[in-house]
């Protein structure tokens, strides 16, 4: 058993030597592997099964390369877009990872010692002021606090929570990029922020530790690094997906406008009184006449 996303335990099995050799023989990536490499992979690798609509975690403690043995997976891209106020157009927002890296107050960024000392002194003064305020508040009686609570009218309370203006509200968008089928490989370290892989059907994946797979013995001809570069170039990036998102929304607006502008059929003004009497009598007789059954010989 192996722990998956959200702490859930995923069913996993260890394969035997013959089973793993039969599985690896189906793919061209492992045609040049020796018996020793297959035996070592048999010790390290495992097969994990995922339920439909379950997210496949790639940020585990031991990063693994996933090879799909059965089933299908969908590639989902999360876009943070901002609606332009007064229009139906959107603007792409940088991912959260880039926003945190560009923040000058990031804890990983080296800081000036003098600036750090000033900040420590400021925190010390703030702590002293907070301690003095808390000691003064302890002397207040409970009756005064209850009286203040009774005087406070919830209907007249003022909220100081700032709501972002409409033009700065971020709208989430989830796009289906594509489908990964049997034989697909992912988890090689692709650089795609805000992207996740979800099992479309019941899926079984062969998990091989990435650090072991990228060793020179298993990475003959730099195969896995070239495959990672191919995936980075073949799968559309955020900008291309955002352009496709804008085209799809423009097509939806055009289709909706075309349906609204389409000419509607005029209702017929013909009434039953406009039909001649003889035609109405003949039609009534035809409806009342029973169907003649064929004679049995």
C-alpha atoms as a PDB file:
ATOM      1  CA  UNK A   1       0.000   0.000   0.000  1.00  0.00           C
ATOM      2  CA  UNK A   2       1.143   3.531  -0.755  1.00  0.00           C
ATOM      3  CA  UNK A   3      -0.122   6.891   0.488  1.00  0.00           C
ATOM      4  CA  UNK A   4      -1.657   9.032  -2.254  1.00  0.00           C
ATOM      5  CA  UNK A   5      -3.002  12.574  -2.473  1.00  0.00           C
ATOM      6  CA  UNK A   6      -4.820  13.869   0.583  1.00  0.00           C
ATOM      7  CA  UNK A   7      -3.392  11.117   2.776  1.00  0.00           C
ATOM      8  CA  UNK A   8      -5.537   8.448   1.119  1.00  0.00           C
ATOM      9  CA  UNK A   9      -4.018   5.001   0.862  1.00  0.00           C
ATOM     10  CA  UNK A  10      -3.791   3.675  -2.699  1.00  0.00           C
ATOM     11  CA  UNK A  11      -3.672  -0.042  -3.505  1.00  0.00           C
ATOM     12  CA  UNK A  12      -0.273  -1.024  -4.879  1.00  0.00           C
ATOM     13  CA  UNK A  13       1.364  -4.324  -5.701  1.00  0.00           C
ATOM     14  CA  UNK A  14       4.911  -5.516  -6.263  1.00  0.00           C
ATOM     15  CA  UNK A  15       5.469  -7.384  -9.492  1.00  0.00           C
ATOM     16  CA  UNK A  16       7.502 -10.512  -9.958  1.00  0.00           C
ATOM     17  CA  UNK A  17      10.470 -10.686 -12.280  1.00  0.00           C
ATOM     18  CA  UNK A  18       8.629 -12.444 -15.096  1.00  0.00           C
ATOM     19  CA  UNK A  19       5.594 -10.155 -14.809  1.00  0.00           C
ATOM     20  CA  UNK A  20       7.713  -7.014 -14.924  1.00  0.00           C
ATOM     21  CA  UNK A  21       9.772  -8.303 -17.838  1.00  0.00           C
ATOM     22  CA  UNK A  22       6.567  -9.034 -19.779  1.00  0.00           C
ATOM     23  CA  UNK A  23       5.254  -5.529 -19.047  1.00  0.00           C
ATOM     24  CA  UNK A  24       8.496  -3.765 -19.971  1.00  0.00           C
ATOM     25  CA  UNK A  25       8.718  -5.781 -23.170  1.00  0.00           C
ATOM     26  CA  UNK A  26       5.573  -4.025 -24.443  1.00  0.00           C
ATOM     27  CA  UNK A  27       7.337  -0.642 -24.571  1.00  0.00           C
ATOM     28  CA  UNK A  28      10.287   0.471 -26.661  1.00  0.00           C
ATOM     29  CA  UNK A  29      11.827   2.468 -23.818  1.00  0.00           C
ATOM     30  CA  UNK A  30      13.111  -0.706 -22.156  1.00  0.00           C
ATOM     31  CA  UNK A  31      14.259  -2.750 -25.161  1.00  0.00           C
ATOM     32  CA  UNK A  32      17.951  -2.392 -24.269  1.00  0.00           C
ATOM     33  CA  UNK A  33      17.632  -3.160 -20.570  1.00  0.00           C
ATOM     34  CA  UNK A  34      19.612  -6.079 -19.194  1.00  0.00           C
ATOM     35  CA  UNK A  35      18.376  -8.774 -16.834  1.00  0.00           C
ATOM     36  CA  UNK A  36      20.138  -7.061 -13.946  1.00  0.00           C
ATOM     37  CA  UNK A  37      18.374  -3.745 -14.631  1.00  0.00           C
ATOM     38  CA  UNK A  38      14.991  -5.457 -14.836  1.00  0.00           C
ATOM     39  CA  UNK A  39      15.669  -7.276 -11.572  1.00  0.00           C
ATOM     40  CA  UNK A  40      16.653  -4.026  -9.851  1.00  0.00           C
ATOM     41  CA  UNK A  41      13.560  -2.307 -11.253  1.00  0.00           C
ATOM     42  CA  UNK A  42      11.478  -5.194  -9.916  1.00  0.00           C
ATOM     43  CA  UNK A  43      12.687  -4.295  -6.424  1.00  0.00           C
ATOM     44  CA  UNK A  44      12.076  -0.538  -6.741  1.00  0.00           C
ATOM     45  CA  UNK A  45       8.980  -0.283  -8.942  1.00  0.00           C
ATOM     46  CA  UNK A  46       5.350  -0.906  -8.025  1.00  0.00           C
ATOM     47  CA  UNK A  47       1.946  -0.812  -9.693  1.00  0.00           C
ATOM     48  CA  UNK A  48      -0.646   1.622  -8.303  1.00  0.00           C
ATOM     49  CA  UNK A  49      -4.331   1.628  -9.196  1.00  0.00           C
ATOM     50  CA  UNK A  50      -6.365   4.859  -9.297  1.00  0.00           C
ATOM     51  CA  UNK A  51     -10.132   5.212  -9.199  1.00  0.00           C
ATOM     52  CA  UNK A  52     -12.014   7.333 -11.761  1.00  0.00           C
ATOM     53  CA  UNK A  53     -11.878  11.107 -11.154  1.00  0.00           C
ATOM     54  CA  UNK A  54      -8.961  10.695  -8.744  1.00  0.00           C
ATOM     55  CA  UNK A  55      -6.013  13.069  -8.861  1.00  0.00           C
ATOM     56  CA  UNK A  56      -2.606  11.474  -9.372  1.00  0.00           C
ATOM     57  CA  UNK A  57      -0.135  13.118  -6.992  1.00  0.00           C
ATOM     58  CA  UNK A  58       3.262  13.936  -8.496  1.00  0.00           C
ATOM     59  CA  UNK A  59       4.728  15.878  -5.548  1.00  0.00           C
ATOM     60  CA  UNK A  60       5.437  12.924  -3.286  1.00  0.00           C
ATOM     61  CA  UNK A  61       8.513  12.586  -1.091  1.00  0.00           C
ATOM     62  CA  UNK A  62      10.076  10.196  -3.621  1.00  0.00           C
ATOM     63  CA  UNK A  63       9.262  11.502  -7.143  1.00  0.00           C
ATOM     64  CA  UNK A  64       8.316   8.675  -9.470  1.00  0.00           C
ATOM     65  CA  UNK A  65       7.874   8.350 -13.214  1.00  0.00           C
ATOM     66  CA  UNK A  66       4.395   7.087 -14.103  1.00  0.00           C
ATOM     67  CA  UNK A  67       3.878   4.677 -16.985  1.00  0.00           C
ATOM     68  CA  UNK A  68       0.217   3.997 -17.828  1.00  0.00           C
ATOM     69  CA  UNK A  69      -0.479   0.264 -18.125  1.00  0.00           C
ATOM     70  CA  UNK A  70      -4.276   0.402 -18.476  1.00  0.00           C
ATOM     71  CA  UNK A  71      -6.988   3.039 -18.475  1.00  0.00           C
ATOM     72  CA  UNK A  72      -6.923   6.711 -19.427  1.00  0.00           C
ATOM     73  CA  UNK A  73      -5.929   9.945 -17.696  1.00  0.00           C
ATOM     74  CA  UNK A  74      -6.911  13.513 -18.483  1.00  0.00           C
ATOM     75  CA  UNK A  75      -4.568  16.460 -18.313  1.00  0.00           C
ATOM     76  CA  UNK A  76      -6.183  19.470 -16.618  1.00  0.00           C
ATOM     77  CA  UNK A  77      -4.831  23.025 -16.626  1.00  0.00           C
ATOM     78  CA  UNK A  78      -5.910  25.548 -14.007  1.00  0.00           C
ATOM     79  CA  UNK A  79      -5.876  29.138 -15.262  1.00  0.00           C
ATOM     80  CA  UNK A  80      -6.294  32.248 -13.124  1.00  0.00           C
ATOM     81  CA  UNK A  81      -7.936  34.884 -15.306  1.00  0.00           C
ATOM     82  CA  UNK A  82      -9.175  38.369 -14.484  1.00  0.00           C
ATOM     83  CA  UNK A  83     -12.346  39.703 -16.073  1.00  0.00           C
ATOM     84  CA  UNK A  84     -11.916  43.171 -17.565  1.00  0.00           C
ATOM     85  CA  UNK A  85     -14.531  45.417 -16.021  1.00  0.00           C
ATOM     86  CA  UNK A  86     -17.412  46.265 -18.339  1.00  0.00           C
ATOM     87  CA  UNK A  87     -16.470  43.723 -21.034  1.00  0.00           C
ATOM     88  CA  UNK A  88     -16.591  39.984 -21.646  1.00  0.00           C
ATOM     89  CA  UNK A  89     -12.842  39.732 -22.155  1.00  0.00           C
ATOM     90  CA  UNK A  90     -10.345  38.184 -19.760  1.00  0.00           C
ATOM     91  CA  UNK A  91      -6.729  38.760 -18.813  1.00  0.00           C
ATOM     92  CA  UNK A  92      -4.322  36.013 -17.796  1.00  0.00           C
ATOM     93  CA  UNK A  93      -2.946  36.203 -14.246  1.00  0.00           C
ATOM     94  CA  UNK A  94       0.454  34.825 -13.271  1.00  0.00           C
ATOM     95  CA  UNK A  95       0.411  31.515 -11.345  1.00  0.00           C
ATOM     96  CA  UNK A  96       0.725  31.519  -7.584  1.00  0.00           C
ATOM     97  CA  UNK A  97       4.250  30.091  -7.664  1.00  0.00           C
ATOM     98  CA  UNK A  98       5.542  33.005  -9.768  1.00  0.00           C
ATOM     99  CA  UNK A  99       3.713  35.489  -7.550  1.00  0.00           C
ATOM    100  CA  UNK A 100       5.380  34.122  -4.423  1.00  0.00           C
ATOM    101  CA  UNK A 101       8.806  34.097  -6.067  1.00  0.00           C
ATOM    102  CA  UNK A 102       8.463  37.704  -7.220  1.00  0.00           C
ATOM    103  CA  UNK A 103       7.398  38.847  -3.726  1.00  0.00           C
ATOM    104  CA  UNK A 104      10.340  40.713  -2.119  1.00  0.00           C
ATOM    105  CA  UNK A 105       9.262  39.520   1.335  1.00  0.00           C
ATOM    106  CA  UNK A 106       9.846  35.885   0.436  1.00  0.00           C
ATOM    107  CA  UNK A 107      11.634  33.966   3.227  1.00  0.00           C
ATOM    108  CA  UNK A 108      14.015  32.282   0.759  1.00  0.00           C
ATOM    109  CA  UNK A 109      15.434  35.590  -0.498  1.00  0.00           C
ATOM    110  CA  UNK A 110      18.682  36.789   1.150  1.00  0.00           C
ATOM    111  CA  UNK A 111      18.221  40.009   3.093  1.00  0.00           C
ATOM    112  CA  UNK A 112      20.447  42.826   4.294  1.00  0.00           C
ATOM    113  CA  UNK A 113      21.690  42.314   7.919  1.00  0.00           C
ATOM    114  CA  UNK A 114      20.917  45.945   8.861  1.00  0.00           C
ATOM    115  CA  UNK A 115      17.416  45.629   7.483  1.00  0.00           C
ATOM    116  CA  UNK A 116      16.956  42.357   9.354  1.00  0.00           C
ATOM    117  CA  UNK A 117      18.142  43.970  12.613  1.00  0.00           C
ATOM    118  CA  UNK A 118      15.717  46.884  12.176  1.00  0.00           C
ATOM    119  CA  UNK A 119      12.883  44.468  11.575  1.00  0.00           C
ATOM    120  CA  UNK A 120      13.771  42.460  14.699  1.00  0.00           C
ATOM    121  CA  UNK A 121      13.805  45.676  16.745  1.00  0.00           C
ATOM    122  CA  UNK A 122      10.433  46.686  15.302  1.00  0.00           C
ATOM    123  CA  UNK A 123       8.964  43.279  16.148  1.00  0.00           C
ATOM    124  CA  UNK A 124      10.378  43.605  19.680  1.00  0.00           C
ATOM    125  CA  UNK A 125       8.742  47.009  20.174  1.00  0.00           C
ATOM    126  CA  UNK A 126       5.473  45.684  18.781  1.00  0.00           C
ATOM    127  CA  UNK A 127       5.591  42.755  21.202  1.00  0.00           C
ATOM    128  CA  UNK A 128       6.213  45.091  24.168  1.00  0.00           C
ATOM    129  CA  UNK A 129       3.305  47.337  23.187  1.00  0.00           C
ATOM    130  CA  UNK A 130       1.036  44.334  22.721  1.00  0.00           C
ATOM    131  CA  UNK A 131       2.020  42.935  26.145  1.00  0.00           C
ATOM    132  CA  UNK A 132       1.290  46.270  27.838  1.00  0.00           C
ATOM    133  CA  UNK A 133      -2.078  46.505  26.118  1.00  0.00           C
ATOM    134  CA  UNK A 134      -3.040  42.973  27.127  1.00  0.00           C
ATOM    135  CA  UNK A 135      -2.088  43.593  30.779  1.00  0.00           C
ATOM    136  CA  UNK A 136      -4.235  46.737  30.783  1.00  0.00           C
ATOM    137  CA  UNK A 137      -7.186  44.868  29.327  1.00  0.00           C
ATOM    138  CA  UNK A 138      -7.050  42.245  32.077  1.00  0.00           C
ATOM    139  CA  UNK A 139      -8.055  44.895  34.629  1.00  0.00           C
ATOM    140  CA  UNK A 140     -11.343  45.572  32.889  1.00  0.00           C
ATOM    141  CA  UNK A 141     -14.292  44.073  34.648  1.00  0.00           C
ATOM    142  CA  UNK A 142     -16.563  41.494  33.093  1.00  0.00           C
ATOM    143  CA  UNK A 143     -19.592  43.728  33.579  1.00  0.00           C
ATOM    144  CA  UNK A 144     -18.129  46.454  31.385  1.00  0.00           C
ATOM    145  CA  UNK A 145     -17.433  43.946  28.615  1.00  0.00           C
ATOM    146  CA  UNK A 146     -20.982  42.635  28.774  1.00  0.00           C
ATOM    147  CA  UNK A 147     -22.310  46.195  28.721  1.00  0.00           C
ATOM    148  CA  UNK A 148     -20.274  46.940  25.602  1.00  0.00           C
ATOM    149  CA  UNK A 149     -21.605  43.810  23.947  1.00  0.00           C
ATOM    150  CA  UNK A 150     -25.194  44.828  24.729  1.00  0.00           C
ATOM    151  CA  UNK A 151     -24.629  48.303  23.333  1.00  0.00           C
ATOM    152  CA  UNK A 152     -23.208  46.918  20.106  1.00  0.00           C
ATOM    153  CA  UNK A 153     -25.943  46.676  17.488  1.00  0.00           C
ATOM    154  CA  UNK A 154     -25.144  44.099  14.788  1.00  0.00           C
ATOM    155  CA  UNK A 155     -27.308  45.972  12.269  1.00  0.00           C
ATOM    156  CA  UNK A 156     -25.206  49.100  12.692  1.00  0.00           C
ATOM    157  CA  UNK A 157     -21.840  47.365  12.696  1.00  0.00           C
ATOM    158  CA  UNK A 158     -19.388  48.458  10.028  1.00  0.00           C
ATOM    159  CA  UNK A 159     -17.323  45.872   8.193  1.00  0.00           C
ATOM    160  CA  UNK A 160     -13.798  46.931   7.307  1.00  0.00           C
ATOM    161  CA  UNK A 161     -13.076  43.891   5.125  1.00  0.00           C
ATOM    162  CA  UNK A 162     -11.973  45.191   1.762  1.00  0.00           C
ATOM    163  CA  UNK A 163     -13.636  43.624  -1.235  1.00  0.00           C
ATOM    164  CA  UNK A 164     -11.592  43.802  -4.414  1.00  0.00           C
ATOM    165  CA  UNK A 165     -13.137  45.917  -7.141  1.00  0.00           C
ATOM    166  CA  UNK A 166     -14.897  44.077  -9.976  1.00  0.00           C
ATOM    167  CA  UNK A 167     -12.023  44.596 -12.399  1.00  0.00           C
ATOM    168  CA  UNK A 168      -9.609  42.835 -10.002  1.00  0.00           C
ATOM    169  CA  UNK A 169     -11.685  39.767  -9.212  1.00  0.00           C
ATOM    170  CA  UNK A 170     -10.010  36.558 -10.366  1.00  0.00           C
ATOM    171  CA  UNK A 171     -12.116  33.930 -12.113  1.00  0.00           C
ATOM    172  CA  UNK A 172     -10.849  30.315 -12.076  1.00  0.00           C
ATOM    173  CA  UNK A 173     -10.901  28.357 -15.333  1.00  0.00           C
ATOM    174  CA  UNK A 174     -10.246  24.611 -15.633  1.00  0.00           C
ATOM    175  CA  UNK A 175      -9.327  23.373 -19.121  1.00  0.00           C
ATOM    176  CA  UNK A 176      -9.119  19.799 -20.398  1.00  0.00           C
ATOM    177  CA  UNK A 177      -5.812  19.759 -22.279  1.00  0.00           C
ATOM    178  CA  UNK A 178      -5.822  16.177 -23.517  1.00  0.00           C
ATOM    179  CA  UNK A 179      -5.976  12.464 -22.743  1.00  0.00           C
ATOM    180  CA  UNK A 180      -3.109  10.159 -21.776  1.00  0.00           C
ATOM    181  CA  UNK A 181      -3.613   6.558 -22.874  1.00  0.00           C
ATOM    182  CA  UNK A 182      -1.784   3.257 -22.454  1.00  0.00           C
ATOM    183  CA  UNK A 183       1.954   3.699 -22.960  1.00  0.00           C
ATOM    184  CA  UNK A 184       2.058   7.368 -21.989  1.00  0.00           C
ATOM    185  CA  UNK A 185       4.767   8.515 -19.587  1.00  0.00           C
ATOM    186  CA  UNK A 186       4.557  11.481 -17.228  1.00  0.00           C
ATOM    187  CA  UNK A 187       6.235  12.624 -14.035  1.00  0.00           C
ATOM    188  CA  UNK A 188       9.649  13.182 -15.637  1.00  0.00           C
ATOM    189  CA  UNK A 189       9.852  16.696 -14.206  1.00  0.00           C
ATOM    190  CA  UNK A 190       7.784  18.575 -16.772  1.00  0.00           C
ATOM    191  CA  UNK A 191       7.558  22.328 -16.148  1.00  0.00           C
ATOM    192  CA  UNK A 192       3.843  23.057 -16.244  1.00  0.00           C
ATOM    193  CA  UNK A 193       2.574  25.115 -13.287  1.00  0.00           C
ATOM    194  CA  UNK A 194      -0.998  24.751 -12.060  1.00  0.00           C
ATOM    195  CA  UNK A 195      -1.452  21.489 -13.957  1.00  0.00           C
ATOM    196  CA  UNK A 196      -2.800  18.200 -12.621  1.00  0.00           C
ATOM    197  CA  UNK A 197      -3.439  14.718 -13.964  1.00  0.00           C
ATOM    198  CA  UNK A 198      -6.732  13.001 -13.115  1.00  0.00           C
ATOM    199  CA  UNK A 199      -7.721   9.422 -13.882  1.00  0.00           C
ATOM    200  CA  UNK A 200     -10.564   9.411 -16.404  1.00  0.00           C
ATOM    201  CA  UNK A 201     -11.253   5.694 -15.943  1.00  0.00           C
ATOM    202  CA  UNK A 202      -9.891   3.051 -13.598  1.00  0.00           C
ATOM    203  CA  UNK A 203      -6.177   3.341 -14.279  1.00  0.00           C
ATOM    204  CA  UNK A 204      -3.111   1.296 -13.399  1.00  0.00           C
ATOM    205  CA  UNK A 205       0.313   2.947 -13.488  1.00  0.00           C
ATOM    206  CA  UNK A 206       3.803   1.559 -13.095  1.00  0.00           C
ATOM    207  CA  UNK A 207       5.742   3.822 -10.720  1.00  0.00           C
ATOM    208  CA  UNK A 208       9.536   3.868 -11.083  1.00  0.00           C
ATOM    209  CA  UNK A 209      11.714   6.171  -8.920  1.00  0.00           C
ATOM    210  CA  UNK A 210      12.853   9.082 -11.062  1.00  0.00           C
ATOM    211  CA  UNK A 211      16.286   9.375  -9.451  1.00  0.00           C
ATOM    212  CA  UNK A 212      17.059   5.754 -10.344  1.00  0.00           C
ATOM    213  CA  UNK A 213      15.569   5.987 -13.844  1.00  0.00           C
ATOM    214  CA  UNK A 214      17.674   9.042 -14.752  1.00  0.00           C
ATOM    215  CA  UNK A 215      20.941   7.280 -13.941  1.00  0.00           C
ATOM    216  CA  UNK A 216      23.304   6.762 -16.849  1.00  0.00           C
ATOM    217  CA  UNK A 217      22.673   3.014 -17.064  1.00  0.00           C
ATOM    218  CA  UNK A 218      18.916   3.440 -17.513  1.00  0.00           C
ATOM    219  CA  UNK A 219      19.187   6.712 -19.458  1.00  0.00           C
ATOM    220  CA  UNK A 220      21.075   5.484 -22.510  1.00  0.00           C
ATOM    221  CA  UNK A 221      21.208   8.165 -25.177  1.00  0.00           C
ATOM    222  CA  UNK A 222      19.590  10.644 -22.785  1.00  0.00           C
ATOM    223  CA  UNK A 223      16.231   9.055 -23.612  1.00  0.00           C
ATOM    224  CA  UNK A 224      14.219  10.250 -20.648  1.00  0.00           C
ATOM    225  CA  UNK A 225      15.519  13.821 -20.768  1.00  0.00           C
ATOM    226  CA  UNK A 226      14.672  14.026 -24.466  1.00  0.00           C
ATOM    227  CA  UNK A 227      11.222  12.646 -23.721  1.00  0.00           C
ATOM    228  CA  UNK A 228      10.754  15.327 -21.069  1.00  0.00           C
ATOM    229  CA  UNK A 229      11.765  18.028 -23.558  1.00  0.00           C
ATOM    230  CA  UNK A 230       9.318  16.589 -26.077  1.00  0.00           C
ATOM    231  CA  UNK A 231       6.477  16.703 -23.548  1.00  0.00           C
ATOM    232  CA  UNK A 232       7.339  20.306 -22.648  1.00  0.00           C
ATOM    233  CA  UNK A 233       7.149  21.282 -26.318  1.00  0.00           C
ATOM    234  CA  UNK A 234       4.205  19.137 -27.425  1.00  0.00           C
ATOM    235  CA  UNK A 235       1.824  20.004 -24.601  1.00  0.00           C
ATOM    236  CA  UNK A 236       0.497  23.583 -24.964  1.00  0.00           C
ATOM    237  CA  UNK A 237       1.673  26.046 -22.350  1.00  0.00           C
ATOM    238  CA  UNK A 238      -0.456  28.479 -20.363  1.00  0.00           C
ATOM    239  CA  UNK A 239      -0.362  31.248 -22.983  1.00  0.00           C
ATOM    240  CA  UNK A 240      -1.478  28.945 -25.800  1.00  0.00           C
ATOM    241  CA  UNK A 241      -4.263  27.509 -23.660  1.00  0.00           C
ATOM    242  CA  UNK A 242      -5.406  31.007 -22.717  1.00  0.00           C
ATOM    243  CA  UNK A 243      -5.604  31.975 -26.398  1.00  0.00           C
ATOM    244  CA  UNK A 244      -7.656  28.852 -27.072  1.00  0.00           C
ATOM    245  CA  UNK A 245      -9.853  29.766 -24.103  1.00  0.00           C
ATOM    246  CA  UNK A 246     -10.469  33.217 -25.599  1.00  0.00           C
ATOM    247  CA  UNK A 247     -11.279  31.740 -29.029  1.00  0.00           C
ATOM    248  CA  UNK A 248     -13.765  29.317 -27.500  1.00  0.00           C
ATOM    249  CA  UNK A 249     -15.514  32.098 -25.616  1.00  0.00           C
ATOM    250  CA  UNK A 250     -15.607  34.286 -28.747  1.00  0.00           C
ATOM    251  CA  UNK A 251     -17.178  31.398 -30.671  1.00  0.00           C
ATOM    252  CA  UNK A 252     -19.786  30.926 -27.941  1.00  0.00           C
ATOM    253  CA  UNK A 253     -20.663  34.630 -28.046  1.00  0.00           C
ATOM    254  CA  UNK A 254     -20.938  34.540 -31.846  1.00  0.00           C
ATOM    255  CA  UNK A 255     -23.133  31.441 -31.779  1.00  0.00           C
ATOM    256  CA  UNK A 256     -25.390  32.940 -29.113  1.00  0.00           C
ATOM    257  CA  UNK A 257     -25.688  36.198 -31.073  1.00  0.00           C
ATOM    258  CA  UNK A 258     -26.373  34.298 -34.309  1.00  0.00           C
ATOM    259  CA  UNK A 259     -29.211  32.348 -32.706  1.00  0.00           C
ATOM    260  CA  UNK A 260     -30.735  35.523 -31.317  1.00  0.00           C
ATOM    261  CA  UNK A 261     -30.573  37.287 -34.700  1.00  0.00           C
ATOM    262  CA  UNK A 262     -31.936  34.348 -36.701  1.00  0.00           C
ATOM    263  CA  UNK A 263     -35.368  35.043 -38.271  1.00  0.00           C
ATOM    264  CA  UNK A 264     -38.149  33.368 -36.383  1.00  0.00           C
ATOM    265  CA  UNK A 265     -40.916  31.546 -38.301  1.00  0.00           C
ATOM    266  CA  UNK A 266     -44.135  33.497 -38.566  1.00  0.00           C
ATOM    267  CA  UNK A 267     -47.157  31.864 -36.968  1.00  0.00           C
ATOM    268  CA  UNK A 268     -49.808  30.726 -39.447  1.00  0.00           C
ATOM    269  CA  UNK A 269     -52.970  32.795 -39.401  1.00  0.00           C
ATOM    270  CA  UNK A 270     -55.049  30.120 -41.120  1.00  0.00           C
ATOM    271  CA  UNK A 271     -58.071  29.068 -39.079  1.00  0.00           C
ATOM    272  CA  UNK A 272     -60.362  26.097 -39.455  1.00  0.00           C
ATOM    273  CA  UNK A 273     -63.097  28.414 -40.759  1.00  0.00           C
ATOM    274  CA  UNK A 274     -60.901  29.272 -43.757  1.00  0.00           C
ATOM    275  CA  UNK A 275     -60.947  25.636 -44.979  1.00  0.00           C
ATOM    276  CA  UNK A 276     -63.860  24.818 -47.328  1.00  0.00           C
ATOM    277  CA  UNK A 277     -66.695  22.813 -45.812  1.00  0.00           C
ATOM    278  CA  UNK A 278     -66.444  19.970 -48.360  1.00  0.00           C
ATOM    279  CA  UNK A 279     -62.756  19.446 -47.551  1.00  0.00           C
ATOM    280  CA  UNK A 280     -63.494  19.281 -43.852  1.00  0.00           C
ATOM    281  CA  UNK A 281     -66.346  16.753 -44.394  1.00  0.00           C
ATOM    282  CA  UNK A 282     -64.151  14.532 -46.593  1.00  0.00           C
ATOM    283  CA  UNK A 283     -61.334  14.593 -44.051  1.00  0.00           C
ATOM    284  CA  UNK A 284     -63.728  13.690 -41.229  1.00  0.00           C
ATOM    285  CA  UNK A 285     -65.087  10.721 -43.230  1.00  0.00           C
ATOM    286  CA  UNK A 286     -61.612   9.406 -43.917  1.00  0.00           C
ATOM    287  CA  UNK A 287     -60.759   9.522 -40.220  1.00  0.00           C
ATOM    288  CA  UNK A 288     -63.985   7.733 -39.190  1.00  0.00           C
ATOM    289  CA  UNK A 289     -63.763   4.991 -41.855  1.00  0.00           C
ATOM    290  CA  UNK A 290     -62.361   1.809 -40.247  1.00  0.00           C
ATOM    291  CA  UNK A 291     -59.500   0.031 -41.887  1.00  0.00           C
ATOM    292  CA  UNK A 292     -60.629  -2.994 -43.897  1.00  0.00           C
ATOM    293  CA  UNK A 293     -58.979  -6.205 -42.838  1.00  0.00           C
ATOM    294  CA  UNK A 294     -57.670  -8.518 -45.563  1.00  0.00           C
ATOM    295  CA  UNK A 295     -59.857 -11.521 -46.193  1.00  0.00           C
ATOM    296  CA  UNK A 296     -58.590 -14.874 -45.088  1.00  0.00           C
ATOM    297  CA  UNK A 297     -58.553 -17.463 -47.850  1.00  0.00           C
END
